[in-house]
Amino acid sequence: MGKPIAITRSDQTAEDLRGFAAKSRDGASVRRLLALAFILDGHTRTEAAERAGMERRTLRDWAHRYNAEGIAGLRSSHGPSKPPLLTVAQMAELKAMVLKGADPEKHGAVCWCCRLTRRS
């Protein structure tokens, strides 16, 4: 059996966390908020994790983030996206070319199409 999780922040009650969960549109954040509310209600880590649909370790990690960052630390975040392959100027040139359409004599086609190729 794991050690009990200590919620060191005292600025929010279990009811406050449930209120934030009711207003949230992020399902993952709602589960995290509810799991922490269960902990504040006195449930064990195992019970709280099972009720929220997560593992005990995951709940422990989110509790540490909540203690450090508050409710803002429970939001889902995504890493940086992949940079675009084309520059803004290249994208504008491509858009103009597509809107103009293919020239049968110059390009050997009557319309543009996407040709999928497999990369090795």
PDB file of N, CA and C in Angstrom:
ATOM      1  N   MET A   1       0.842  -1.178   0.000  1.00  0.00           N
ATOM      2  CA  MET A   1       0.000   0.000   0.000  1.00  0.00           C
ATOM      3  C   MET A   1       0.882   1.234   0.000  1.00  0.00           C
ATOM      4  N   GLY A   2       0.536   2.218  -0.802  1.00  0.00           N
ATOM      5  CA  GLY A   2       1.334   3.427  -0.900  1.00  0.00           C
ATOM      6  C   GLY A   2       1.077   4.380   0.252  1.00  0.00           C
ATOM      7  N   LYS A   3       1.932   5.357   0.361  1.00  0.00           N
ATOM      8  CA  LYS A   3       1.775   6.369   1.395  1.00  0.00           C
ATOM      9  C   LYS A   3       0.603   7.281   1.025  1.00  0.00           C
ATOM     10  N   PRO A   4      -0.066   7.847   2.031  1.00  0.00           N
ATOM     11  CA  PRO A   4      -1.144   8.788   1.723  1.00  0.00           C
ATOM     12  C   PRO A   4      -0.582  10.029   1.009  1.00  0.00           C
ATOM     13  N   ILE A   5      -1.396  10.588   0.155  1.00  0.00           N
ATOM     14  CA  ILE A   5      -0.984  11.800  -0.548  1.00  0.00           C
ATOM     15  C   ILE A   5      -1.324  12.996   0.322  1.00  0.00           C
ATOM     16  N   ALA A   6      -0.368  13.871   0.491  1.00  0.00           N
ATOM     17  CA  ALA A   6      -0.591  15.087   1.268  1.00  0.00           C
ATOM     18  C   ALA A   6      -0.859  16.239   0.310  1.00  0.00           C
ATOM     19  N   ILE A   7      -2.042  16.795   0.385  1.00  0.00           N
ATOM     20  CA  ILE A   7      -2.366  18.001  -0.372  1.00  0.00           C
ATOM     21  C   ILE A   7      -1.966  19.172   0.523  1.00  0.00           C
ATOM     22  N   THR A   8      -0.917  19.866   0.128  1.00  0.00           N
ATOM     23  CA  THR A   8      -0.390  20.943   0.971  1.00  0.00           C
ATOM     24  C   THR A   8      -1.059  22.285   0.720  1.00  0.00           C
ATOM     25  N   ARG A   9      -1.756  22.420  -0.373  1.00  0.00           N
ATOM     26  CA  ARG A   9      -2.453  23.685  -0.661  1.00  0.00           C
ATOM     27  C   ARG A   9      -3.743  23.721   0.140  1.00  0.00           C
ATOM     28  N   SER A  10      -3.986  24.816   0.800  1.00  0.00           N
ATOM     29  CA  SER A  10      -5.210  24.937   1.599  1.00  0.00           C
ATOM     30  C   SER A  10      -6.139  26.020   1.049  1.00  0.00           C
ATOM     31  N   ASP A  11      -5.835  26.531  -0.145  1.00  0.00           N
ATOM     32  CA  ASP A  11      -6.645  27.603  -0.705  1.00  0.00           C
ATOM     33  C   ASP A  11      -7.931  27.106  -1.363  1.00  0.00           C
ATOM     34  N   GLN A  12      -8.045  25.785  -1.634  1.00  0.00           N
ATOM     35  CA  GLN A  12      -9.245  25.230  -2.259  1.00  0.00           C
ATOM     36  C   GLN A  12      -9.744  24.058  -1.421  1.00  0.00           C
ATOM     37  N   THR A  13     -11.067  23.962  -1.273  1.00  0.00           N
ATOM     38  CA  THR A  13     -11.664  22.822  -0.595  1.00  0.00           C
ATOM     39  C   THR A  13     -12.070  21.792  -1.642  1.00  0.00           C
ATOM     40  N   ALA A  14     -12.537  20.635  -1.174  1.00  0.00           N
ATOM     41  CA  ALA A  14     -13.023  19.599  -2.095  1.00  0.00           C
ATOM     42  C   ALA A  14     -14.201  20.133  -2.906  1.00  0.00           C
ATOM     43  N   GLU A  15     -15.065  20.891  -2.259  1.00  0.00           N
ATOM     44  CA  GLU A  15     -16.216  21.477  -2.971  1.00  0.00           C
ATOM     45  C   GLU A  15     -15.764  22.479  -4.026  1.00  0.00           C
ATOM     46  N   ASP A  16     -14.733  23.263  -3.718  1.00  0.00           N
ATOM     47  CA  ASP A  16     -14.199  24.214  -4.700  1.00  0.00           C
ATOM     48  C   ASP A  16     -13.672  23.466  -5.929  1.00  0.00           C
ATOM     49  N   LEU A  17     -12.948  22.373  -5.682  1.00  0.00           N
ATOM     50  CA  LEU A  17     -12.401  21.595  -6.802  1.00  0.00           C
ATOM     51  C   LEU A  17     -13.528  21.008  -7.643  1.00  0.00           C
ATOM     52  N   ARG A  18     -14.599  20.538  -6.996  1.00  0.00           N
ATOM     53  CA  ARG A  18     -15.744  20.013  -7.752  1.00  0.00           C
ATOM     54  C   ARG A  18     -16.415  21.125  -8.564  1.00  0.00           C
ATOM     55  N   GLY A  19     -16.446  22.325  -8.017  1.00  0.00           N
ATOM     56  CA  GLY A  19     -17.011  23.466  -8.750  1.00  0.00           C
ATOM     57  C   GLY A  19     -16.199  23.791  -9.998  1.00  0.00           C
ATOM     58  N   PHE A  20     -14.868  23.768  -9.863  1.00  0.00           N
ATOM     59  CA  PHE A  20     -14.011  23.995 -11.033  1.00  0.00           C
ATOM     60  C   PHE A  20     -14.201  22.876 -12.050  1.00  0.00           C
ATOM     61  N   ALA A  21     -14.356  21.639 -11.563  1.00  0.00           N
ATOM     62  CA  ALA A  21     -14.565  20.504 -12.464  1.00  0.00           C
ATOM     63  C   ALA A  21     -15.868  20.657 -13.235  1.00  0.00           C
ATOM     64  N   ALA A  22     -16.909  21.153 -12.575  1.00  0.00           N
ATOM     65  CA  ALA A  22     -18.203  21.328 -13.240  1.00  0.00           C
ATOM     66  C   ALA A  22     -18.135  22.375 -14.343  1.00  0.00           C
ATOM     67  N   LYS A  23     -17.254  23.348 -14.206  1.00  0.00           N
ATOM     68  CA  LYS A  23     -17.141  24.415 -15.202  1.00  0.00           C
ATOM     69  C   LYS A  23     -16.141  24.107 -16.307  1.00  0.00           C
ATOM     70  N   SER A  24     -15.298  23.093 -16.103  1.00  0.00           N
ATOM     71  CA  SER A  24     -14.233  22.792 -17.062  1.00  0.00           C
ATOM     72  C   SER A  24     -14.775  22.069 -18.290  1.00  0.00           C
ATOM     73  N   ARG A  25     -14.165  22.336 -19.429  1.00  0.00           N
ATOM     74  CA  ARG A  25     -14.530  21.656 -20.675  1.00  0.00           C
ATOM     75  C   ARG A  25     -13.481  20.614 -21.068  1.00  0.00           C
ATOM     76  N   ASP A  26     -12.466  20.454 -20.242  1.00  0.00           N
ATOM     77  CA  ASP A  26     -11.388  19.502 -20.494  1.00  0.00           C
ATOM     78  C   ASP A  26     -11.613  18.273 -19.622  1.00  0.00           C
ATOM     79  N   GLY A  27     -11.985  17.162 -20.246  1.00  0.00           N
ATOM     80  CA  GLY A  27     -12.321  15.949 -19.515  1.00  0.00           C
ATOM     81  C   GLY A  27     -11.187  15.440 -18.637  1.00  0.00           C
ATOM     82  N   ALA A  28      -9.965  15.517 -19.133  1.00  0.00           N
ATOM     83  CA  ALA A  28      -8.821  15.042 -18.352  1.00  0.00           C
ATOM     84  C   ALA A  28      -8.631  15.897 -17.099  1.00  0.00           C
ATOM     85  N   SER A  29      -8.797  17.194 -17.227  1.00  0.00           N
ATOM     86  CA  SER A  29      -8.671  18.079 -16.067  1.00  0.00           C
ATOM     87  C   SER A  29      -9.774  17.802 -15.055  1.00  0.00           C
ATOM     88  N   VAL A  30     -10.968  17.501 -15.552  1.00  0.00           N
ATOM     89  CA  VAL A  30     -12.086  17.190 -14.659  1.00  0.00           C
ATOM     90  C   VAL A  30     -11.751  15.971 -13.817  1.00  0.00           C
ATOM     91  N   ARG A  31     -11.216  14.922 -14.447  1.00  0.00           N
ATOM     92  CA  ARG A  31     -10.834  13.712 -13.711  1.00  0.00           C
ATOM     93  C   ARG A  31      -9.790  14.025 -12.646  1.00  0.00           C
ATOM     94  N   ARG A  32      -8.830  14.861 -12.986  1.00  0.00           N
ATOM     95  CA  ARG A  32      -7.778  15.221 -12.035  1.00  0.00           C
ATOM     96  C   ARG A  32      -8.353  15.995 -10.849  1.00  0.00           C
ATOM     97  N   LEU A  33      -9.227  16.952 -11.141  1.00  0.00           N
ATOM     98  CA  LEU A  33      -9.847  17.748 -10.079  1.00  0.00           C
ATOM     99  C   LEU A  33     -10.684  16.865  -9.155  1.00  0.00           C
ATOM    100  N   LEU A  34     -11.456  15.966  -9.731  1.00  0.00           N
ATOM    101  CA  LEU A  34     -12.300  15.093  -8.919  1.00  0.00           C
ATOM    102  C   LEU A  34     -11.465  14.133  -8.078  1.00  0.00           C
ATOM    103  N   ALA A  35     -10.383  13.624  -8.633  1.00  0.00           N
ATOM    104  CA  ALA A  35      -9.508  12.729  -7.874  1.00  0.00           C
ATOM    105  C   ALA A  35      -8.932  13.455  -6.665  1.00  0.00           C
ATOM    106  N   LEU A  36      -8.512  14.690  -6.858  1.00  0.00           N
ATOM    107  CA  LEU A  36      -7.974  15.463  -5.735  1.00  0.00           C
ATOM    108  C   LEU A  36      -9.067  15.791  -4.718  1.00  0.00           C
ATOM    109  N   ALA A  37     -10.297  16.013  -5.185  1.00  0.00           N
ATOM    110  CA  ALA A  37     -11.410  16.251  -4.262  1.00  0.00           C
ATOM    111  C   ALA A  37     -11.662  15.009  -3.414  1.00  0.00           C
ATOM    112  N   PHE A  38     -11.558  13.826  -4.018  1.00  0.00           N
ATOM    113  CA  PHE A  38     -11.700  12.589  -3.243  1.00  0.00           C
ATOM    114  C   PHE A  38     -10.624  12.495  -2.164  1.00  0.00           C
ATOM    115  N   ILE A  39      -9.404  12.873  -2.506  1.00  0.00           N
ATOM    116  CA  ILE A  39      -8.306  12.849  -1.530  1.00  0.00           C
ATOM    117  C   ILE A  39      -8.626  13.799  -0.373  1.00  0.00           C
ATOM    118  N   LEU A  40      -9.100  15.003  -0.711  1.00  0.00           N
ATOM    119  CA  LEU A  40      -9.433  15.974   0.342  1.00  0.00           C
ATOM    120  C   LEU A  40     -10.603  15.495   1.200  1.00  0.00           C
ATOM    121  N   ASP A  41     -11.473  14.652   0.627  1.00  0.00           N
ATOM    122  CA  ASP A  41     -12.586  14.095   1.397  1.00  0.00           C
ATOM    123  C   ASP A  41     -12.138  12.972   2.327  1.00  0.00           C
ATOM    124  N   GLY A  42     -10.881  12.539   2.198  1.00  0.00           N
ATOM    125  CA  GLY A  42     -10.369  11.520   3.096  1.00  0.00           C
ATOM    126  C   GLY A  42     -10.272  10.128   2.501  1.00  0.00           C
ATOM    127  N   HIS A  43     -10.544   9.987   1.204  1.00  0.00           N
ATOM    128  CA  HIS A  43     -10.413   8.676   0.564  1.00  0.00           C
ATOM    129  C   HIS A  43      -8.931   8.328   0.401  1.00  0.00           C
ATOM    130  N   THR A  44      -8.645   7.040   0.301  1.00  0.00           N
ATOM    131  CA  THR A  44      -7.265   6.618   0.059  1.00  0.00           C
ATOM    132  C   THR A  44      -6.886   6.932  -1.373  1.00  0.00           C
ATOM    133  N   ARG A  45      -5.584   6.890  -1.628  1.00  0.00           N
ATOM    134  CA  ARG A  45      -5.098   7.150  -2.987  1.00  0.00           C
ATOM    135  C   ARG A  45      -5.664   6.122  -3.957  1.00  0.00           C
ATOM    136  N   THR A  46      -5.729   4.863  -3.539  1.00  0.00           N
ATOM    137  CA  THR A  46      -6.252   3.804  -4.406  1.00  0.00           C
ATOM    138  C   THR A  46      -7.710   4.056  -4.749  1.00  0.00           C
ATOM    139  N   GLU A  47      -8.527   4.382  -3.745  1.00  0.00           N
ATOM    140  CA  GLU A  47      -9.953   4.648  -3.984  1.00  0.00           C
ATOM    141  C   GLU A  47     -10.137   5.861  -4.895  1.00  0.00           C
ATOM    142  N   ALA A  48      -9.417   6.924  -4.608  1.00  0.00           N
ATOM    143  CA  ALA A  48      -9.545   8.150  -5.402  1.00  0.00           C
ATOM    144  C   ALA A  48      -9.117   7.908  -6.844  1.00  0.00           C
ATOM    145  N   ALA A  49      -8.030   7.175  -7.029  1.00  0.00           N
ATOM    146  CA  ALA A  49      -7.546   6.899  -8.379  1.00  0.00           C
ATOM    147  C   ALA A  49      -8.545   6.037  -9.143  1.00  0.00           C
ATOM    148  N   GLU A  50      -9.089   5.012  -8.494  1.00  0.00           N
ATOM    149  CA  GLU A  50     -10.063   4.143  -9.163  1.00  0.00           C
ATOM    150  C   GLU A  50     -11.313   4.912  -9.548  1.00  0.00           C
ATOM    151  N   ARG A  51     -11.796   5.750  -8.657  1.00  0.00           N
ATOM    152  CA  ARG A  51     -13.004   6.539  -8.952  1.00  0.00           C
ATOM    153  C   ARG A  51     -12.777   7.521 -10.088  1.00  0.00           C
ATOM    154  N   ALA A  52     -11.556   8.005 -10.221  1.00  0.00           N
ATOM    155  CA  ALA A  52     -11.251   8.981 -11.276  1.00  0.00           C
ATOM    156  C   ALA A  52     -10.740   8.316 -12.547  1.00  0.00           C
ATOM    157  N   GLY A  53     -10.569   6.990 -12.530  1.00  0.00           N
ATOM    158  CA  GLY A  53     -10.140   6.283 -13.735  1.00  0.00           C
ATOM    159  C   GLY A  53      -8.673   6.475 -14.070  1.00  0.00           C
ATOM    160  N   MET A  54      -7.825   6.433 -13.042  1.00  0.00           N
ATOM    161  CA  MET A  54      -6.390   6.577 -13.286  1.00  0.00           C
ATOM    162  C   MET A  54      -5.623   5.671 -12.333  1.00  0.00           C
ATOM    163  N   GLU A  55      -4.342   5.567 -12.547  1.00  0.00           N
ATOM    164  CA  GLU A  55      -3.472   4.775 -11.687  1.00  0.00           C
ATOM    165  C   GLU A  55      -3.075   5.582 -10.448  1.00  0.00           C
ATOM    166  N   ARG A  56      -2.688   4.861  -9.383  1.00  0.00           N
ATOM    167  CA  ARG A  56      -2.271   5.536  -8.151  1.00  0.00           C
ATOM    168  C   ARG A  56      -1.083   6.455  -8.384  1.00  0.00           C
ATOM    169  N   ARG A  57      -0.117   5.977  -9.173  1.00  0.00           N
ATOM    170  CA  ARG A  57       1.074   6.792  -9.446  1.00  0.00           C
ATOM    171  C   ARG A  57       0.733   8.061 -10.200  1.00  0.00           C
ATOM    172  N   THR A  58      -0.186   7.926 -11.146  1.00  0.00           N
ATOM    173  CA  THR A  58      -0.605   9.094 -11.918  1.00  0.00           C
ATOM    174  C   THR A  58      -1.246  10.126 -10.998  1.00  0.00           C
ATOM    175  N   LEU A  59      -2.091   9.653 -10.105  1.00  0.00           N
ATOM    176  CA  LEU A  59      -2.730  10.566  -9.148  1.00  0.00           C
ATOM    177  C   LEU A  59      -1.685  11.239  -8.266  1.00  0.00           C
ATOM    178  N   ARG A  60      -0.689  10.490  -7.826  1.00  0.00           N
ATOM    179  CA  ARG A  60       0.384  11.071  -7.022  1.00  0.00           C
ATOM    180  C   ARG A  60       1.086  12.192  -7.782  1.00  0.00           C
ATOM    181  N   ASP A  61       1.398  11.934  -9.070  1.00  0.00           N
ATOM    182  CA  ASP A  61       2.077  12.951  -9.878  1.00  0.00           C
ATOM    183  C   ASP A  61       1.232  14.205 -10.017  1.00  0.00           C
ATOM    184  N   TRP A  62      -0.091  14.037 -10.241  1.00  0.00           N
ATOM    185  CA  TRP A  62      -0.963  15.203 -10.381  1.00  0.00           C
ATOM    186  C   TRP A  62      -1.108  15.935  -9.052  1.00  0.00           C
ATOM    187  N   ALA A  63      -1.083  15.208  -7.951  1.00  0.00           N
ATOM    188  CA  ALA A  63      -1.149  15.861  -6.639  1.00  0.00           C
ATOM    189  C   ALA A  63       0.084  16.727  -6.416  1.00  0.00           C
ATOM    190  N   HIS A  64       1.243  16.229  -6.815  1.00  0.00           N
ATOM    191  CA  HIS A  64       2.465  17.036  -6.686  1.00  0.00           C
ATOM    192  C   HIS A  64       2.379  18.287  -7.551  1.00  0.00           C
ATOM    193  N   ARG A  65       1.851  18.140  -8.767  1.00  0.00           N
ATOM    194  CA  ARG A  65       1.701  19.324  -9.636  1.00  0.00           C
ATOM    195  C   ARG A  65       0.707  20.310  -9.060  1.00  0.00           C
ATOM    196  N   TYR A  66      -0.389  19.787  -8.499  1.00  0.00           N
ATOM    197  CA  TYR A  66      -1.376  20.673  -7.875  1.00  0.00           C
ATOM    198  C   TYR A  66      -0.756  21.414  -6.696  1.00  0.00           C
ATOM    199  N   ASN A  67       0.018  20.708  -5.877  1.00  0.00           N
ATOM    200  CA  ASN A  67       0.671  21.354  -4.731  1.00  0.00           C
ATOM    201  C   ASN A  67       1.620  22.459  -5.192  1.00  0.00           C
ATOM    202  N   ALA A  68       2.294  22.242  -6.305  1.00  0.00           N
ATOM    203  CA  ALA A  68       3.271  23.218  -6.795  1.00  0.00           C
ATOM    204  C   ALA A  68       2.631  24.373  -7.568  1.00  0.00           C
ATOM    205  N   GLU A  69       1.636  24.069  -8.408  1.00  0.00           N
ATOM    206  CA  GLU A  69       1.110  25.078  -9.343  1.00  0.00           C
ATOM    207  C   GLU A  69      -0.354  25.431  -9.144  1.00  0.00           C
ATOM    208  N   GLY A  70      -1.065  24.715  -8.309  1.00  0.00           N
ATOM    209  CA  GLY A  70      -2.482  24.974  -8.117  1.00  0.00           C
ATOM    210  C   GLY A  70      -3.311  24.392  -9.253  1.00  0.00           C
ATOM    211  N   ILE A  71      -4.506  24.905  -9.423  1.00  0.00           N
ATOM    212  CA  ILE A  71      -5.422  24.382 -10.440  1.00  0.00           C
ATOM    213  C   ILE A  71      -4.846  24.543 -11.838  1.00  0.00           C
ATOM    214  N   ALA A  72      -4.080  25.593 -12.066  1.00  0.00           N
ATOM    215  CA  ALA A  72      -3.477  25.799 -13.391  1.00  0.00           C
ATOM    216  C   ALA A  72      -2.555  24.645 -13.769  1.00  0.00           C
ATOM    217  N   GLY A  73      -1.959  23.985 -12.802  1.00  0.00           N
ATOM    218  CA  GLY A  73      -1.061  22.865 -13.079  1.00  0.00           C
ATOM    219  C   GLY A  73      -1.780  21.603 -13.506  1.00  0.00           C
ATOM    220  N   LEU A  74      -3.107  21.578 -13.383  1.00  0.00           N
ATOM    221  CA  LEU A  74      -3.883  20.388 -13.741  1.00  0.00           C
ATOM    222  C   LEU A  74      -4.392  20.423 -15.174  1.00  0.00           C
ATOM    223  N   ARG A  75      -4.203  21.529 -15.849  1.00  0.00           N
ATOM    224  CA  ARG A  75      -4.671  21.638 -17.237  1.00  0.00           C
ATOM    225  C   ARG A  75      -3.860  20.741 -18.155  1.00  0.00           C
ATOM    226  N   SER A  76      -4.524  20.251 -19.185  1.00  0.00           N
ATOM    227  CA  SER A  76      -3.827  19.462 -20.201  1.00  0.00           C
ATOM    228  C   SER A  76      -2.989  20.404 -21.044  1.00  0.00           C
ATOM    229  N   SER A  77      -1.779  20.013 -21.285  1.00  0.00           N
ATOM    230  CA  SER A  77      -0.914  20.846 -22.129  1.00  0.00           C
ATOM    231  C   SER A  77      -0.340  19.979 -23.231  1.00  0.00           C
ATOM    232  N   HIS A  78      -0.061  20.600 -24.308  1.00  0.00           N
ATOM    233  CA  HIS A  78       0.498  19.895 -25.454  1.00  0.00           C
ATOM    234  C   HIS A  78       1.866  20.489 -25.751  1.00  0.00           C
ATOM    235  N   GLY A  79       2.743  19.657 -26.185  1.00  0.00           N
ATOM    236  CA  GLY A  79       4.082  20.117 -26.509  1.00  0.00           C
ATOM    237  C   GLY A  79       4.076  21.013 -27.734  1.00  0.00           C
ATOM    238  N   PRO A  80       5.218  21.560 -28.060  1.00  0.00           N
ATOM    239  CA  PRO A  80       5.287  22.434 -29.224  1.00  0.00           C
ATOM    240  C   PRO A  80       5.010  21.645 -30.500  1.00  0.00           C
ATOM    241  N   SER A  81       4.367  22.294 -31.440  1.00  0.00           N
ATOM    242  CA  SER A  81       4.039  21.616 -32.687  1.00  0.00           C
ATOM    243  C   SER A  81       5.249  21.598 -33.617  1.00  0.00           C
ATOM    244  N   LYS A  82       5.163  20.745 -34.606  1.00  0.00           N
ATOM    245  CA  LYS A  82       6.225  20.632 -35.592  1.00  0.00           C
ATOM    246  C   LYS A  82       6.227  21.896 -36.459  1.00  0.00           C
ATOM    247  N   PRO A  83       7.384  22.460 -36.738  1.00  0.00           N
ATOM    248  CA  PRO A  83       7.413  23.670 -37.562  1.00  0.00           C
ATOM    249  C   PRO A  83       6.954  23.366 -38.991  1.00  0.00           C
ATOM    250  N   PRO A  84       6.319  24.335 -39.654  1.00  0.00           N
ATOM    251  CA  PRO A  84       5.847  24.107 -41.018  1.00  0.00           C
ATOM    252  C   PRO A  84       7.010  23.846 -41.972  1.00  0.00           C
ATOM    253  N   LEU A  85       6.747  23.033 -42.990  1.00  0.00           N
ATOM    254  CA  LEU A  85       7.779  22.713 -43.969  1.00  0.00           C
ATOM    255  C   LEU A  85       7.987  23.849 -44.969  1.00  0.00           C
ATOM    256  N   LEU A  86       6.932  24.622 -45.234  1.00  0.00           N
ATOM    257  CA  LEU A  86       7.026  25.728 -46.192  1.00  0.00           C
ATOM    258  C   LEU A  86       7.072  27.063 -45.459  1.00  0.00           C
ATOM    259  N   THR A  87       7.805  28.000 -46.022  1.00  0.00           N
ATOM    260  CA  THR A  87       7.816  29.356 -45.468  1.00  0.00           C
ATOM    261  C   THR A  87       6.518  30.048 -45.863  1.00  0.00           C
ATOM    262  N   VAL A  88       6.276  31.209 -45.287  1.00  0.00           N
ATOM    263  CA  VAL A  88       5.060  31.963 -45.613  1.00  0.00           C
ATOM    264  C   VAL A  88       5.044  32.328 -47.099  1.00  0.00           C
ATOM    265  N   ALA A  89       6.191  32.712 -47.633  1.00  0.00           N
ATOM    266  CA  ALA A  89       6.272  33.074 -49.057  1.00  0.00           C
ATOM    267  C   ALA A  89       6.004  31.857 -49.948  1.00  0.00           C
ATOM    268  N   GLN A  90       6.568  30.697 -49.585  1.00  0.00           N
ATOM    269  CA  GLN A  90       6.334  29.484 -50.363  1.00  0.00           C
ATOM    270  C   GLN A  90       4.865  29.069 -50.311  1.00  0.00           C
ATOM    271  N   MET A  91       4.245  29.211 -49.152  1.00  0.00           N
ATOM    272  CA  MET A  91       2.832  28.868 -49.019  1.00  0.00           C
ATOM    273  C   MET A  91       1.961  29.784 -49.870  1.00  0.00           C
ATOM    274  N   ALA A  92       2.294  31.080 -49.914  1.00  0.00           N
ATOM    275  CA  ALA A  92       1.546  32.031 -50.738  1.00  0.00           C
ATOM    276  C   ALA A  92       1.705  31.688 -52.222  1.00  0.00           C
ATOM    277  N   GLU A  93       2.923  31.306 -52.628  1.00  0.00           N
ATOM    278  CA  GLU A  93       3.173  30.918 -54.019  1.00  0.00           C
ATOM    279  C   GLU A  93       2.383  29.656 -54.374  1.00  0.00           C
ATOM    280  N   LEU A  94       2.370  28.693 -53.491  1.00  0.00           N
ATOM    281  CA  LEU A  94       1.624  27.458 -53.726  1.00  0.00           C
ATOM    282  C   LEU A  94       0.126  27.735 -53.831  1.00  0.00           C
ATOM    283  N   LYS A  95      -0.388  28.585 -52.956  1.00  0.00           N
ATOM    284  CA  LYS A  95      -1.807  28.931 -52.987  1.00  0.00           C
ATOM    285  C   LYS A  95      -2.178  29.594 -54.308  1.00  0.00           C
ATOM    286  N   ALA A  96      -1.342  30.526 -54.757  1.00  0.00           N
ATOM    287  CA  ALA A  96      -1.607  31.202 -56.034  1.00  0.00           C
ATOM    288  C   ALA A  96      -1.585  30.205 -57.187  1.00  0.00           C
ATOM    289  N   MET A  97      -0.646  29.253 -57.159  1.00  0.00           N
ATOM    290  CA  MET A  97      -0.538  28.256 -58.214  1.00  0.00           C
ATOM    291  C   MET A  97      -1.775  27.352 -58.253  1.00  0.00           C
ATOM    292  N   VAL A  98      -2.241  26.948 -57.090  1.00  0.00           N
ATOM    293  CA  VAL A  98      -3.418  26.073 -57.025  1.00  0.00           C
ATOM    294  C   VAL A  98      -4.667  26.816 -57.473  1.00  0.00           C
ATOM    295  N   LEU A  99      -4.816  28.064 -57.038  1.00  0.00           N
ATOM    296  CA  LEU A  99      -5.990  28.840 -57.429  1.00  0.00           C
ATOM    297  C   LEU A  99      -6.004  29.138 -58.927  1.00  0.00           C
ATOM    298  N   LYS A 100      -4.839  29.340 -59.500  1.00  0.00           N
ATOM    299  CA  LYS A 100      -4.751  29.607 -60.944  1.00  0.00           C
ATOM    300  C   LYS A 100      -5.102  28.350 -61.733  1.00  0.00           C
ATOM    301  N   GLY A 101      -4.710  27.195 -61.227  1.00  0.00           N
ATOM    302  CA  GLY A 101      -5.009  25.940 -61.917  1.00  0.00           C
ATOM    303  C   GLY A 101      -3.867  25.536 -62.830  1.00  0.00           C
ATOM    304  N   ALA A 102      -3.954  24.316 -63.289  1.00  0.00           N
ATOM    305  CA  ALA A 102      -2.903  23.765 -64.150  1.00  0.00           C
ATOM    306  C   ALA A 102      -3.100  24.209 -65.592  1.00  0.00           C
ATOM    307  N   ASP A 103      -1.995  24.406 -66.291  1.00  0.00           N
ATOM    308  CA  ASP A 103      -2.008  24.716 -67.722  1.00  0.00           C
ATOM    309  C   ASP A 103      -1.670  23.406 -68.450  1.00  0.00           C
ATOM    310  N   PRO A 104      -2.621  22.865 -69.249  1.00  0.00           N
ATOM    311  CA  PRO A 104      -2.381  21.573 -69.890  1.00  0.00           C
ATOM    312  C   PRO A 104      -1.115  21.542 -70.755  1.00  0.00           C
ATOM    313  N   GLU A 105      -0.831  22.628 -71.459  1.00  0.00           N
ATOM    314  CA  GLU A 105       0.345  22.636 -72.327  1.00  0.00           C
ATOM    315  C   GLU A 105       1.648  22.733 -71.519  1.00  0.00           C
ATOM    316  N   LYS A 106       1.624  23.523 -70.464  1.00  0.00           N
ATOM    317  CA  LYS A 106       2.829  23.734 -69.680  1.00  0.00           C
ATOM    318  C   LYS A 106       3.079  22.591 -68.679  1.00  0.00           C
ATOM    319  N   HIS A 107       2.006  22.159 -68.007  1.00  0.00           N
ATOM    320  CA  HIS A 107       2.155  21.178 -66.934  1.00  0.00           C
ATOM    321  C   HIS A 107       1.784  19.754 -67.331  1.00  0.00           C
ATOM    322  N   GLY A 108       1.141  19.587 -68.485  1.00  0.00           N
ATOM    323  CA  GLY A 108       0.742  18.254 -68.928  1.00  0.00           C
ATOM    324  C   GLY A 108      -0.415  17.689 -68.134  1.00  0.00           C
ATOM    325  N   ALA A 109      -1.190  18.548 -67.487  1.00  0.00           N
ATOM    326  CA  ALA A 109      -2.345  18.108 -66.701  1.00  0.00           C
ATOM    327  C   ALA A 109      -3.434  19.164 -66.812  1.00  0.00           C
ATOM    328  N   VAL A 110      -4.679  18.733 -66.626  1.00  0.00           N
ATOM    329  CA  VAL A 110      -5.786  19.675 -66.676  1.00  0.00           C
ATOM    330  C   VAL A 110      -6.183  20.171 -65.283  1.00  0.00           C
ATOM    331  N   CYS A 111      -5.727  19.444 -64.269  1.00  0.00           N
ATOM    332  CA  CYS A 111      -6.002  19.885 -62.894  1.00  0.00           C
ATOM    333  C   CYS A 111      -4.897  19.358 -61.996  1.00  0.00           C
ATOM    334  N   TRP A 112      -4.790  19.970 -60.808  1.00  0.00           N
ATOM    335  CA  TRP A 112      -3.814  19.514 -59.827  1.00  0.00           C
ATOM    336  C   TRP A 112      -4.429  18.395 -59.005  1.00  0.00           C
ATOM    337  N   CYS A 113      -3.632  17.424 -58.669  1.00  0.00           N
ATOM    338  CA  CYS A 113      -4.090  16.359 -57.784  1.00  0.00           C
ATOM    339  C   CYS A 113      -2.975  16.033 -56.796  1.00  0.00           C
ATOM    340  N   CYS A 114      -3.358  15.422 -55.718  1.00  0.00           N
ATOM    341  CA  CYS A 114      -2.392  15.052 -54.687  1.00  0.00           C
ATOM    342  C   CYS A 114      -1.921  13.631 -54.956  1.00  0.00           C
ATOM    343  N   ARG A 115      -0.636  13.461 -55.100  1.00  0.00           N
ATOM    344  CA  ARG A 115      -0.071  12.141 -55.349  1.00  0.00           C
ATOM    345  C   ARG A 115       0.618  11.680 -54.080  1.00  0.00           C
ATOM    346  N   LEU A 116       0.090  10.635 -53.493  1.00  0.00           N
ATOM    347  CA  LEU A 116       0.645  10.123 -52.246  1.00  0.00           C
ATOM    348  C   LEU A 116       1.788   9.176 -52.562  1.00  0.00           C
ATOM    349  N   THR A 117       2.898   9.411 -51.906  1.00  0.00           N
ATOM    350  CA  THR A 117       4.052   8.532 -52.067  1.00  0.00           C
ATOM    351  C   THR A 117       4.487   8.063 -50.710  1.00  0.00           C
ATOM    352  N   ARG A 118       5.050   6.905 -50.672  1.00  0.00           N
ATOM    353  CA  ARG A 118       5.545   6.356 -49.417  1.00  0.00           C
ATOM    354  C   ARG A 118       7.011   6.704 -49.260  1.00  0.00           C
ATOM    355  N   ARG A 119       7.333   7.238 -48.078  1.00  0.00           N
ATOM    356  CA  ARG A 119       8.729   7.559 -47.791  1.00  0.00           C
ATOM    357  C   ARG A 119       9.372   6.376 -47.103  1.00  0.00           C
ATOM    358  N   SER A 120      10.653   6.146 -47.409  1.00  0.00           N
ATOM    359  CA  SER A 120      11.350   5.027 -46.768  1.00  0.00           C
ATOM    360  C   SER A 120      12.071   5.488 -45.534  1.00  0.00           C
TER     361      SER A 120
END
